[in-house]
Amino acid sequence: MVSNWQRRKGRRGENEVVSIALEHDLPARRISRLGCPDQDVLICNELHEVKCGNAYAMKRLRSFIDNNFAVVHRADREDWLVTLRLADYLELMKAHEKERSDDASM
């Protein structure tokens, strides 16, 4: 069961991510309130899950990303994942969105 405090913390994180995306001129909105499990935010029509926490693993990822563009990681026998700074990711999304709109206008 998720406590009210955890829900508020998640909602604050989702709203913050949406605000940052909007500051980068990307279309974004919160969708978790619409009953979509495991899908919190829509940025450039792509679904995103937002996680907030102070876990040891997140701190370790942060220490790796301080000197790198991205961290590529995986758990044993799991798929590879990439962790980026949000600002860098949003710049990639902006380029992707521009490419998509350029293709649509052709």
C-alpha atoms as a PDB file:
ATOM      1  CA  MET A   1       0.000   0.000   0.000  1.00  0.00           C
ATOM      2  CA  VAL A   2       1.332   3.422  -0.923  1.00  0.00           C
ATOM      3  CA  SER A   3       1.102   6.098   1.756  1.00  0.00           C
ATOM      4  CA  ASN A   4      -0.211   9.610   1.117  1.00  0.00           C
ATOM      5  CA  TRP A   5       3.315  10.936   1.660  1.00  0.00           C
ATOM      6  CA  GLN A   6       4.688   8.628  -1.060  1.00  0.00           C
ATOM      7  CA  ARG A   7       1.898   9.633  -3.447  1.00  0.00           C
ATOM      8  CA  ARG A   8       2.585  13.335  -2.855  1.00  0.00           C
ATOM      9  CA  LYS A   9       6.309  12.766  -3.354  1.00  0.00           C
ATOM     10  CA  GLY A  10       5.628  10.974  -6.647  1.00  0.00           C
ATOM     11  CA  ARG A  11       3.231  13.670  -7.811  1.00  0.00           C
ATOM     12  CA  ARG A  12       5.800  16.391  -7.012  1.00  0.00           C
ATOM     13  CA  GLY A  13       8.442  14.504  -9.021  1.00  0.00           C
ATOM     14  CA  GLU A  14       6.097  14.029 -11.971  1.00  0.00           C
ATOM     15  CA  ASN A  15       5.103  17.702 -11.941  1.00  0.00           C
ATOM     16  CA  GLU A  16       8.752  18.739 -11.769  1.00  0.00           C
ATOM     17  CA  VAL A  17       9.681  16.582 -14.776  1.00  0.00           C
ATOM     18  CA  VAL A  18       6.749  18.000 -16.768  1.00  0.00           C
ATOM     19  CA  SER A  19       7.771  21.565 -15.861  1.00  0.00           C
ATOM     20  CA  ILE A  20      11.374  20.964 -16.926  1.00  0.00           C
ATOM     21  CA  ALA A  21      10.248  19.416 -20.222  1.00  0.00           C
ATOM     22  CA  LEU A  22       7.958  22.398 -20.877  1.00  0.00           C
ATOM     23  CA  GLU A  23      10.878  24.759 -20.137  1.00  0.00           C
ATOM     24  CA  HIS A  24      12.742  22.901 -22.916  1.00  0.00           C
ATOM     25  CA  ASP A  25       9.800  23.627 -25.259  1.00  0.00           C
ATOM     26  CA  LEU A  26       8.676  20.014 -25.365  1.00  0.00           C
ATOM     27  CA  PRO A  27       5.025  18.967 -25.104  1.00  0.00           C
ATOM     28  CA  ALA A  28       4.565  17.238 -21.753  1.00  0.00           C
ATOM     29  CA  ARG A  29       1.822  16.364 -19.284  1.00  0.00           C
ATOM     30  CA  ARG A  30       1.180  14.179 -16.284  1.00  0.00           C
ATOM     31  CA  ILE A  31      -0.928  11.114 -17.070  1.00  0.00           C
ATOM     32  CA  SER A  32      -0.678   8.968 -13.918  1.00  0.00           C
ATOM     33  CA  ARG A  33      -3.821  10.600 -12.551  1.00  0.00           C
ATOM     34  CA  LEU A  34      -5.638   9.128 -15.563  1.00  0.00           C
ATOM     35  CA  GLY A  35      -5.250   5.619 -14.174  1.00  0.00           C
ATOM     36  CA  CYS A  36      -2.294   4.495 -16.303  1.00  0.00           C
ATOM     37  CA  PRO A  37      -0.243   2.126 -14.129  1.00  0.00           C
ATOM     38  CA  ASP A  38       3.541   2.471 -14.507  1.00  0.00           C
ATOM     39  CA  GLN A  39       3.159   5.437 -16.870  1.00  0.00           C
ATOM     40  CA  ASP A  40       3.449   8.809 -15.182  1.00  0.00           C
ATOM     41  CA  VAL A  41       4.373  11.407 -17.789  1.00  0.00           C
ATOM     42  CA  LEU A  42       3.886  11.890 -21.515  1.00  0.00           C
ATOM     43  CA  ILE A  43       6.729  13.802 -23.224  1.00  0.00           C
ATOM     44  CA  CYS A  44       6.630  14.179 -27.029  1.00  0.00           C
ATOM     45  CA  ASN A  45       3.926  11.474 -27.093  1.00  0.00           C
ATOM     46  CA  GLU A  46       6.330   9.008 -25.416  1.00  0.00           C
ATOM     47  CA  LEU A  47       5.438   7.373 -22.091  1.00  0.00           C
ATOM     48  CA  HIS A  48       7.791   7.851 -19.146  1.00  0.00           C
ATOM     49  CA  GLU A  49       7.883   6.407 -15.644  1.00  0.00           C
ATOM     50  CA  VAL A  50       9.156   8.857 -13.008  1.00  0.00           C
ATOM     51  CA  LYS A  51      10.943   7.516  -9.936  1.00  0.00           C
ATOM     52  CA  CYS A  52      12.025   9.601  -6.961  1.00  0.00           C
ATOM     53  CA  GLY A  53      14.145   8.240  -4.189  1.00  0.00           C
ATOM     54  CA  ASN A  54      17.297   8.390  -2.199  1.00  0.00           C
ATOM     55  CA  ALA A  55      18.319   4.769  -2.662  1.00  0.00           C
ATOM     56  CA  TYR A  56      21.923   3.637  -2.619  1.00  0.00           C
ATOM     57  CA  ALA A  57      21.782   2.534  -6.267  1.00  0.00           C
ATOM     58  CA  MET A  58      20.584   5.976  -7.394  1.00  0.00           C
ATOM     59  CA  LYS A  59      23.450   7.612  -5.494  1.00  0.00           C
ATOM     60  CA  ARG A  60      25.913   5.258  -7.171  1.00  0.00           C
ATOM     61  CA  LEU A  61      24.495   6.054 -10.624  1.00  0.00           C
ATOM     62  CA  ARG A  62      24.803   9.745  -9.842  1.00  0.00           C
ATOM     63  CA  SER A  63      28.467   9.336  -8.921  1.00  0.00           C
ATOM     64  CA  PHE A  64      29.138   7.593 -12.250  1.00  0.00           C
ATOM     65  CA  ILE A  65      27.249  10.121 -14.364  1.00  0.00           C
ATOM     66  CA  ASP A  66      29.071  13.123 -12.876  1.00  0.00           C
ATOM     67  CA  ASN A  67      31.990  12.514 -15.253  1.00  0.00           C
ATOM     68  CA  ASN A  68      30.131  10.913 -18.172  1.00  0.00           C
ATOM     69  CA  PHE A  69      27.381  11.701 -20.674  1.00  0.00           C
ATOM     70  CA  ALA A  70      25.495   8.539 -19.745  1.00  0.00           C
ATOM     71  CA  VAL A  71      25.757   5.371 -17.694  1.00  0.00           C
ATOM     72  CA  VAL A  72      24.958   2.075 -19.417  1.00  0.00           C
ATOM     73  CA  HIS A  73      24.104  -0.631 -16.875  1.00  0.00           C
ATOM     74  CA  ARG A  74      22.235  -3.847 -16.294  1.00  0.00           C
ATOM     75  CA  ALA A  75      21.518  -6.372 -13.610  1.00  0.00           C
ATOM     76  CA  ASP A  76      22.536  -9.977 -14.205  1.00  0.00           C
ATOM     77  CA  ARG A  77      20.487 -11.548 -17.000  1.00  0.00           C
ATOM     78  CA  GLU A  78      18.485  -8.341 -17.539  1.00  0.00           C
ATOM     79  CA  ASP A  79      18.278  -5.898 -20.448  1.00  0.00           C
ATOM     80  CA  TRP A  80      20.736  -3.057 -20.725  1.00  0.00           C
ATOM     81  CA  LEU A  81      19.558   0.361 -19.526  1.00  0.00           C
ATOM     82  CA  VAL A  82      20.905   3.875 -20.073  1.00  0.00           C
ATOM     83  CA  THR A  83      20.820   6.631 -17.471  1.00  0.00           C
ATOM     84  CA  LEU A  84      21.198  10.236 -18.639  1.00  0.00           C
ATOM     85  CA  ARG A  85      20.862  13.639 -17.019  1.00  0.00           C
ATOM     86  CA  LEU A  86      17.334  14.905 -17.672  1.00  0.00           C
ATOM     87  CA  ALA A  87      18.578  18.004 -19.526  1.00  0.00           C
ATOM     88  CA  ASP A  88      20.659  15.851 -21.903  1.00  0.00           C
ATOM     89  CA  TYR A  89      17.761  13.463 -22.455  1.00  0.00           C
ATOM     90  CA  LEU A  90      15.373  16.334 -23.203  1.00  0.00           C
ATOM     91  CA  GLU A  91      17.790  17.712 -25.806  1.00  0.00           C
ATOM     92  CA  LEU A  92      17.776  14.275 -27.477  1.00  0.00           C
ATOM     93  CA  MET A  93      13.963  14.223 -27.310  1.00  0.00           C
ATOM     94  CA  LYS A  94      13.845  17.712 -28.853  1.00  0.00           C
ATOM     95  CA  ALA A  95      16.031  16.537 -31.773  1.00  0.00           C
ATOM     96  CA  HIS A  96      13.855  13.430 -32.144  1.00  0.00           C
ATOM     97  CA  GLU A  97      10.670  15.516 -32.147  1.00  0.00           C
ATOM     98  CA  LYS A  98      12.118  17.897 -34.763  1.00  0.00           C
ATOM     99  CA  GLU A  99      13.162  14.968 -36.963  1.00  0.00           C
ATOM    100  CA  ARG A 100       9.703  13.425 -36.603  1.00  0.00           C
ATOM    101  CA  SER A 101       7.963  16.691 -37.578  1.00  0.00           C
ATOM    102  CA  ASP A 102      10.366  17.185 -40.517  1.00  0.00           C
ATOM    103  CA  ASP A 103       9.531  13.667 -41.768  1.00  0.00           C
ATOM    104  CA  ALA A 104       5.803  14.326 -41.420  1.00  0.00           C
ATOM    105  CA  SER A 105       6.008  17.522 -43.489  1.00  0.00           C
ATOM    106  CA  MET A 106       7.624  15.751 -46.438  1.00  0.00           C
END
